[in-house]
Amino acid sequence: MAKAWRVYSDPSGQSKIAELRLDMKPFVDTEGAHGQGTAVQRATSIAFRISPPGYVLDWHCAPRRQYSISLSGHAEIEVGDGTVARIGPGDIVLAEDLTGQGHITRVVGSEPRFYAIVPLSEA
C-alpha cells in the first residue's frame, strides 16, 4: 500500500518528516461510489510535473501547503535531522515546511518522476 508523509518545520526551524495517517472512513457518494476515504479537502489547483533522473532540488521550503502525489518514478526527501524517506508510485507527501531549513528532493533511479502537485486552500 502507498505511504503518506508529512514534511514540516519544528519550532527551531529544522525540517522533519513523519508518516501521515490518513483518516479513512466509510463513504458513499451520490453516484454510488463507495469504500473508504478521507474527508474532502479544499484545493486551489493541480499541476502535473516530470523531473528527470538525477534531478536534485537542494534545500528549499515548500512554497505553500501542498500535496505532492507520485504517479511514477522514485524520489528521496531529506530533512534537517538527516532522515531520508523514499517516495514511490502512489505515495503522498504533504509539504508544510513553509519556513526554516526546508528539505532536499532527489529523483533516484533510472526513470523520470511523474507527479501531481495539489496546492491546498488556506480557507
N, C-alpha and C. Protein backbone atom coordinates (compact mmCIF):
# COMPACT_ATOMS: atom_id res chain seq x y z
N MET A 1 0.84 -1.18 0.00
CA MET A 1 0.00 0.00 0.00
C MET A 1 0.88 1.25 0.00
N ALA A 2 0.42 2.26 -0.65
CA ALA A 2 1.14 3.53 -0.72
C ALA A 2 1.26 4.14 0.67
N LYS A 3 2.29 4.96 0.85
CA LYS A 3 2.50 5.65 2.12
C LYS A 3 2.18 7.13 1.95
N ALA A 4 1.88 7.75 3.07
CA ALA A 4 1.68 9.19 3.11
C ALA A 4 2.67 9.75 4.13
N TRP A 5 3.27 10.88 3.77
CA TRP A 5 4.27 11.53 4.61
C TRP A 5 3.90 12.99 4.84
N ARG A 6 4.38 13.54 5.94
CA ARG A 6 4.21 14.97 6.23
C ARG A 6 5.59 15.57 6.47
N VAL A 7 5.95 16.59 5.71
CA VAL A 7 7.20 17.33 5.90
C VAL A 7 6.81 18.65 6.57
N TYR A 8 7.45 18.96 7.70
CA TYR A 8 7.08 20.15 8.46
C TYR A 8 8.32 20.73 9.14
N SER A 9 8.21 21.94 9.65
CA SER A 9 9.29 22.58 10.40
C SER A 9 8.95 22.54 11.88
N ASP A 10 9.94 22.16 12.71
CA ASP A 10 9.71 22.20 14.16
C ASP A 10 9.90 23.65 14.63
N PRO A 11 9.65 23.94 15.92
CA PRO A 11 9.74 25.33 16.40
C PRO A 11 11.11 25.98 16.17
N SER A 12 12.18 25.18 16.08
CA SER A 12 13.51 25.76 15.85
C SER A 12 13.79 25.99 14.36
N GLY A 13 12.86 25.57 13.48
CA GLY A 13 13.04 25.75 12.05
C GLY A 13 13.64 24.55 11.34
N GLN A 14 13.97 23.48 12.09
CA GLN A 14 14.52 22.29 11.45
C GLN A 14 13.39 21.48 10.82
N SER A 15 13.64 21.02 9.61
CA SER A 15 12.62 20.23 8.93
C SER A 15 12.60 18.81 9.47
N LYS A 16 11.43 18.23 9.48
CA LYS A 16 11.19 16.86 9.95
C LYS A 16 10.27 16.18 8.95
N ILE A 17 10.29 14.86 8.98
CA ILE A 17 9.35 14.09 8.15
C ILE A 17 8.78 12.98 9.02
N ALA A 18 7.50 12.74 8.88
CA ALA A 18 6.83 11.69 9.64
C ALA A 18 5.76 11.06 8.77
N GLU A 19 5.48 9.79 9.04
CA GLU A 19 4.38 9.17 8.31
C GLU A 19 3.09 9.89 8.68
N LEU A 20 2.25 10.09 7.69
CA LEU A 20 0.98 10.78 7.87
C LEU A 20 -0.12 9.74 7.84
N ARG A 21 -0.88 9.67 8.90
CA ARG A 21 -2.00 8.74 8.94
C ARG A 21 -3.20 9.41 8.28
N LEU A 22 -3.68 8.80 7.21
CA LEU A 22 -4.87 9.32 6.55
C LEU A 22 -6.09 8.77 7.28
N ASP A 23 -6.96 9.65 7.72
CA ASP A 23 -8.14 9.26 8.47
C ASP A 23 -9.22 8.76 7.50
N MET A 24 -9.19 7.46 7.24
CA MET A 24 -10.12 6.85 6.28
C MET A 24 -11.38 6.38 7.00
N LYS A 25 -12.50 6.75 6.42
CA LYS A 25 -13.81 6.34 6.96
C LYS A 25 -14.68 5.87 5.81
N PRO A 26 -15.68 5.04 6.11
CA PRO A 26 -16.58 4.60 5.04
C PRO A 26 -17.28 5.80 4.40
N PHE A 27 -17.48 5.73 3.09
CA PHE A 27 -18.21 6.78 2.40
C PHE A 27 -19.08 6.16 1.32
N VAL A 28 -20.14 6.88 0.98
CA VAL A 28 -20.97 6.58 -0.19
C VAL A 28 -21.29 7.92 -0.83
N ASP A 29 -20.89 8.09 -2.10
CA ASP A 29 -21.18 9.32 -2.82
C ASP A 29 -22.55 9.23 -3.48
N THR A 30 -23.05 10.36 -3.93
CA THR A 30 -24.38 10.40 -4.54
C THR A 30 -24.51 9.53 -5.77
N GLU A 31 -23.40 9.32 -6.51
CA GLU A 31 -23.47 8.49 -7.71
C GLU A 31 -23.31 7.00 -7.40
N GLY A 32 -23.09 6.68 -6.12
CA GLY A 32 -22.99 5.29 -5.72
C GLY A 32 -21.58 4.80 -5.43
N ALA A 33 -20.56 5.61 -5.74
CA ALA A 33 -19.19 5.21 -5.39
C ALA A 33 -19.12 5.03 -3.88
N HIS A 34 -18.38 4.02 -3.45
CA HIS A 34 -18.31 3.75 -2.02
C HIS A 34 -16.99 3.07 -1.69
N GLY A 35 -16.68 3.03 -0.43
CA GLY A 35 -15.45 2.42 0.06
C GLY A 35 -14.96 3.16 1.29
N GLN A 36 -13.64 3.32 1.38
CA GLN A 36 -13.01 4.06 2.47
C GLN A 36 -12.39 5.32 1.87
N GLY A 37 -12.49 6.43 2.56
CA GLY A 37 -11.91 7.67 2.04
C GLY A 37 -11.73 8.70 3.14
N THR A 38 -10.97 9.73 2.81
CA THR A 38 -10.77 10.85 3.73
C THR A 38 -11.87 11.88 3.51
N ALA A 39 -11.95 12.82 4.41
CA ALA A 39 -12.84 13.96 4.21
C ALA A 39 -12.32 14.77 3.02
N VAL A 40 -13.20 15.46 2.34
CA VAL A 40 -12.81 16.32 1.22
C VAL A 40 -12.01 17.51 1.76
N GLN A 41 -10.92 17.84 1.08
CA GLN A 41 -10.10 19.00 1.43
C GLN A 41 -10.17 20.00 0.29
N ARG A 42 -10.13 21.27 0.63
CA ARG A 42 -10.17 22.32 -0.40
C ARG A 42 -8.79 22.49 -1.03
N ALA A 43 -8.76 22.43 -2.35
CA ALA A 43 -7.53 22.65 -3.11
C ALA A 43 -7.76 23.80 -4.09
N THR A 44 -6.68 24.47 -4.47
CA THR A 44 -6.83 25.61 -5.37
C THR A 44 -6.64 25.23 -6.83
N SER A 45 -5.84 24.20 -7.10
CA SER A 45 -5.50 23.85 -8.48
C SER A 45 -4.76 22.52 -8.48
N ILE A 46 -4.31 22.11 -9.64
CA ILE A 46 -3.47 20.91 -9.76
C ILE A 46 -2.50 21.13 -10.92
N ALA A 47 -1.30 20.63 -10.75
CA ALA A 47 -0.29 20.69 -11.82
C ALA A 47 0.38 19.33 -11.90
N PHE A 48 0.71 18.90 -13.10
CA PHE A 48 1.43 17.66 -13.31
C PHE A 48 2.85 18.01 -13.72
N ARG A 49 3.82 17.29 -13.16
CA ARG A 49 5.23 17.61 -13.41
C ARG A 49 6.03 16.35 -13.69
N ILE A 50 7.11 16.54 -14.42
CA ILE A 50 8.08 15.47 -14.66
C ILE A 50 9.45 16.02 -14.30
N SER A 51 10.18 15.30 -13.44
CA SER A 51 11.55 15.65 -13.11
C SER A 51 12.44 14.51 -13.59
N PRO A 52 13.57 14.81 -14.24
CA PRO A 52 14.41 13.77 -14.84
C PRO A 52 15.22 12.99 -13.81
N PRO A 53 15.69 11.80 -14.18
CA PRO A 53 16.58 11.05 -13.29
C PRO A 53 17.79 11.92 -12.91
N GLY A 54 18.20 11.84 -11.67
CA GLY A 54 19.34 12.62 -11.20
C GLY A 54 19.01 14.03 -10.76
N TYR A 55 17.77 14.46 -10.95
CA TYR A 55 17.33 15.81 -10.56
C TYR A 55 17.50 15.98 -9.06
N VAL A 56 18.07 17.12 -8.65
CA VAL A 56 18.20 17.45 -7.23
C VAL A 56 17.74 18.89 -7.03
N LEU A 57 16.81 19.08 -6.12
CA LEU A 57 16.42 20.42 -5.69
C LEU A 57 16.96 20.57 -4.28
N ASP A 58 18.06 21.34 -4.14
CA ASP A 58 18.75 21.49 -2.86
C ASP A 58 17.81 22.13 -1.84
N TRP A 59 18.30 22.40 -0.66
CA TRP A 59 17.48 22.86 0.45
C TRP A 59 16.49 23.93 0.00
N HIS A 60 15.23 23.66 0.25
CA HIS A 60 14.16 24.60 -0.12
C HIS A 60 12.96 24.36 0.79
N CYS A 61 12.19 25.39 1.00
CA CYS A 61 10.92 25.27 1.73
C CYS A 61 9.79 25.10 0.72
N ALA A 62 8.73 24.48 1.15
CA ALA A 62 7.54 24.39 0.30
C ALA A 62 7.02 25.80 0.05
N PRO A 63 6.57 26.11 -1.17
CA PRO A 63 6.07 27.45 -1.46
C PRO A 63 4.71 27.74 -0.83
N ARG A 64 4.01 26.70 -0.42
CA ARG A 64 2.68 26.79 0.18
C ARG A 64 2.35 25.39 0.68
N ARG A 65 1.31 25.24 1.48
CA ARG A 65 0.86 23.89 1.87
C ARG A 65 0.37 23.20 0.61
N GLN A 66 0.92 22.02 0.34
CA GLN A 66 0.53 21.33 -0.87
C GLN A 66 0.80 19.83 -0.75
N TYR A 67 0.04 19.07 -1.51
CA TYR A 67 0.31 17.65 -1.66
C TYR A 67 1.16 17.45 -2.90
N SER A 68 2.09 16.51 -2.82
CA SER A 68 2.83 16.01 -3.97
C SER A 68 2.50 14.53 -4.05
N ILE A 69 1.87 14.12 -5.13
CA ILE A 69 1.40 12.74 -5.28
C ILE A 69 2.20 12.08 -6.39
N SER A 70 3.00 11.09 -6.04
CA SER A 70 3.86 10.41 -7.01
C SER A 70 3.04 9.46 -7.86
N LEU A 71 3.21 9.58 -9.17
CA LEU A 71 2.50 8.71 -10.11
C LEU A 71 3.43 7.65 -10.69
N SER A 72 4.68 8.00 -10.96
CA SER A 72 5.68 7.02 -11.39
C SER A 72 7.06 7.56 -11.06
N GLY A 73 8.04 6.67 -11.04
CA GLY A 73 9.39 7.06 -10.68
C GLY A 73 9.56 7.11 -9.16
N HIS A 74 10.79 7.40 -8.74
CA HIS A 74 11.10 7.41 -7.31
C HIS A 74 11.86 8.68 -6.94
N ALA A 75 11.66 9.11 -5.71
CA ALA A 75 12.36 10.28 -5.18
C ALA A 75 12.76 10.01 -3.75
N GLU A 76 13.67 10.82 -3.26
CA GLU A 76 14.02 10.84 -1.85
C GLU A 76 13.79 12.25 -1.34
N ILE A 77 13.28 12.32 -0.12
CA ILE A 77 13.13 13.59 0.58
C ILE A 77 14.05 13.51 1.79
N GLU A 78 14.99 14.46 1.89
CA GLU A 78 15.89 14.52 3.03
C GLU A 78 15.55 15.75 3.85
N VAL A 79 15.47 15.56 5.17
CA VAL A 79 15.12 16.67 6.07
C VAL A 79 16.30 16.99 6.98
N GLY A 80 16.15 18.05 7.75
CA GLY A 80 17.23 18.62 8.54
C GLY A 80 17.86 17.70 9.56
N ASP A 81 17.14 16.73 10.08
CA ASP A 81 17.73 15.83 11.06
C ASP A 81 18.44 14.65 10.40
N GLY A 82 18.55 14.68 9.05
CA GLY A 82 19.25 13.62 8.32
C GLY A 82 18.37 12.48 7.85
N THR A 83 17.11 12.47 8.25
CA THR A 83 16.19 11.41 7.82
C THR A 83 15.94 11.53 6.32
N VAL A 84 15.95 10.39 5.64
CA VAL A 84 15.66 10.33 4.21
C VAL A 84 14.50 9.37 4.02
N ALA A 85 13.45 9.84 3.36
CA ALA A 85 12.29 8.99 3.05
C ALA A 85 12.29 8.72 1.56
N ARG A 86 12.07 7.47 1.20
CA ARG A 86 11.98 7.08 -0.22
C ARG A 86 10.52 7.15 -0.63
N ILE A 87 10.25 7.85 -1.72
CA ILE A 87 8.90 8.08 -2.22
C ILE A 87 8.75 7.35 -3.54
N GLY A 88 7.68 6.57 -3.68
CA GLY A 88 7.45 5.82 -4.91
C GLY A 88 6.05 6.03 -5.44
N PRO A 89 5.71 5.33 -6.52
CA PRO A 89 4.39 5.48 -7.14
C PRO A 89 3.26 5.26 -6.12
N GLY A 90 2.33 6.20 -6.11
CA GLY A 90 1.19 6.13 -5.21
C GLY A 90 1.42 6.82 -3.88
N ASP A 91 2.67 7.15 -3.56
CA ASP A 91 2.96 7.79 -2.28
C ASP A 91 2.56 9.27 -2.32
N ILE A 92 2.21 9.77 -1.15
CA ILE A 92 1.71 11.14 -0.99
C ILE A 92 2.60 11.87 0.01
N VAL A 93 2.98 13.10 -0.32
CA VAL A 93 3.73 13.94 0.61
C VAL A 93 2.92 15.22 0.84
N LEU A 94 2.64 15.51 2.10
CA LEU A 94 2.03 16.79 2.47
C LEU A 94 3.17 17.71 2.89
N ALA A 95 3.49 18.69 2.06
CA ALA A 95 4.59 19.62 2.33
C ALA A 95 4.06 20.82 3.10
N GLU A 96 4.55 20.96 4.33
CA GLU A 96 4.12 22.06 5.20
C GLU A 96 5.30 22.81 5.81
N ASP A 97 6.51 22.56 5.33
CA ASP A 97 7.69 23.25 5.87
C ASP A 97 7.86 24.58 5.13
N LEU A 98 7.02 25.53 5.49
CA LEU A 98 6.96 26.82 4.79
C LEU A 98 8.06 27.79 5.22
N THR A 99 8.68 27.54 6.35
CA THR A 99 9.76 28.38 6.86
C THR A 99 10.86 27.48 7.39
N GLY A 100 12.00 28.08 7.68
CA GLY A 100 13.11 27.32 8.27
C GLY A 100 14.03 26.74 7.21
N GLN A 101 14.64 25.63 7.55
CA GLN A 101 15.67 25.00 6.73
C GLN A 101 15.15 24.40 5.44
N GLY A 102 13.96 23.86 5.46
CA GLY A 102 13.42 23.21 4.27
C GLY A 102 13.91 21.78 4.14
N HIS A 103 13.84 21.26 2.92
CA HIS A 103 14.20 19.87 2.65
C HIS A 103 14.87 19.77 1.28
N ILE A 104 15.48 18.62 1.01
CA ILE A 104 16.08 18.34 -0.29
C ILE A 104 15.21 17.29 -0.98
N THR A 105 14.98 17.47 -2.27
CA THR A 105 14.26 16.48 -3.08
C THR A 105 15.21 15.96 -4.15
N ARG A 106 15.31 14.63 -4.26
CA ARG A 106 16.15 14.00 -5.28
C ARG A 106 15.34 12.96 -6.04
N VAL A 107 15.47 12.95 -7.36
CA VAL A 107 14.90 11.86 -8.16
C VAL A 107 15.96 10.77 -8.22
N VAL A 108 15.60 9.56 -7.81
CA VAL A 108 16.54 8.44 -7.78
C VAL A 108 16.09 7.36 -8.75
N GLY A 109 17.03 6.57 -9.20
CA GLY A 109 16.72 5.52 -10.17
C GLY A 109 16.92 6.03 -11.58
N SER A 110 16.54 5.20 -12.54
CA SER A 110 16.83 5.49 -13.95
C SER A 110 15.65 6.08 -14.71
N GLU A 111 14.52 6.24 -14.06
CA GLU A 111 13.37 6.80 -14.77
C GLU A 111 12.96 8.15 -14.21
N PRO A 112 12.32 8.98 -15.02
CA PRO A 112 11.83 10.27 -14.53
C PRO A 112 10.77 10.06 -13.45
N ARG A 113 10.59 11.08 -12.66
CA ARG A 113 9.49 11.06 -11.68
C ARG A 113 8.35 11.89 -12.25
N PHE A 114 7.18 11.28 -12.33
CA PHE A 114 5.95 11.94 -12.79
C PHE A 114 5.09 12.09 -11.56
N TYR A 115 4.64 13.32 -11.28
CA TYR A 115 3.90 13.57 -10.05
C TYR A 115 2.92 14.72 -10.22
N ALA A 116 1.97 14.77 -9.31
CA ALA A 116 0.97 15.85 -9.29
C ALA A 116 1.22 16.71 -8.07
N ILE A 117 1.11 18.02 -8.25
CA ILE A 117 1.18 18.98 -7.14
C ILE A 117 -0.23 19.54 -6.95
N VAL A 118 -0.72 19.47 -5.71
CA VAL A 118 -2.07 19.94 -5.39
C VAL A 118 -1.97 20.97 -4.26
N PRO A 119 -1.92 22.27 -4.59
CA PRO A 119 -1.89 23.30 -3.56
C PRO A 119 -3.20 23.30 -2.76
N LEU A 120 -3.07 23.43 -1.45
CA LEU A 120 -4.26 23.45 -0.59
C LEU A 120 -4.71 24.87 -0.34
N SER A 121 -6.01 25.04 -0.25
CA SER A 121 -6.62 26.32 0.02
C SER A 121 -6.35 26.72 1.46
N GLU A 122 -6.20 27.99 1.70
CA GLU A 122 -5.97 28.49 3.06
C GLU A 122 -7.24 28.45 3.90
N ALA A 123 -8.38 28.54 3.26
CA ALA A 123 -9.66 28.59 4.00
C ALA A 123 -10.12 27.22 4.40
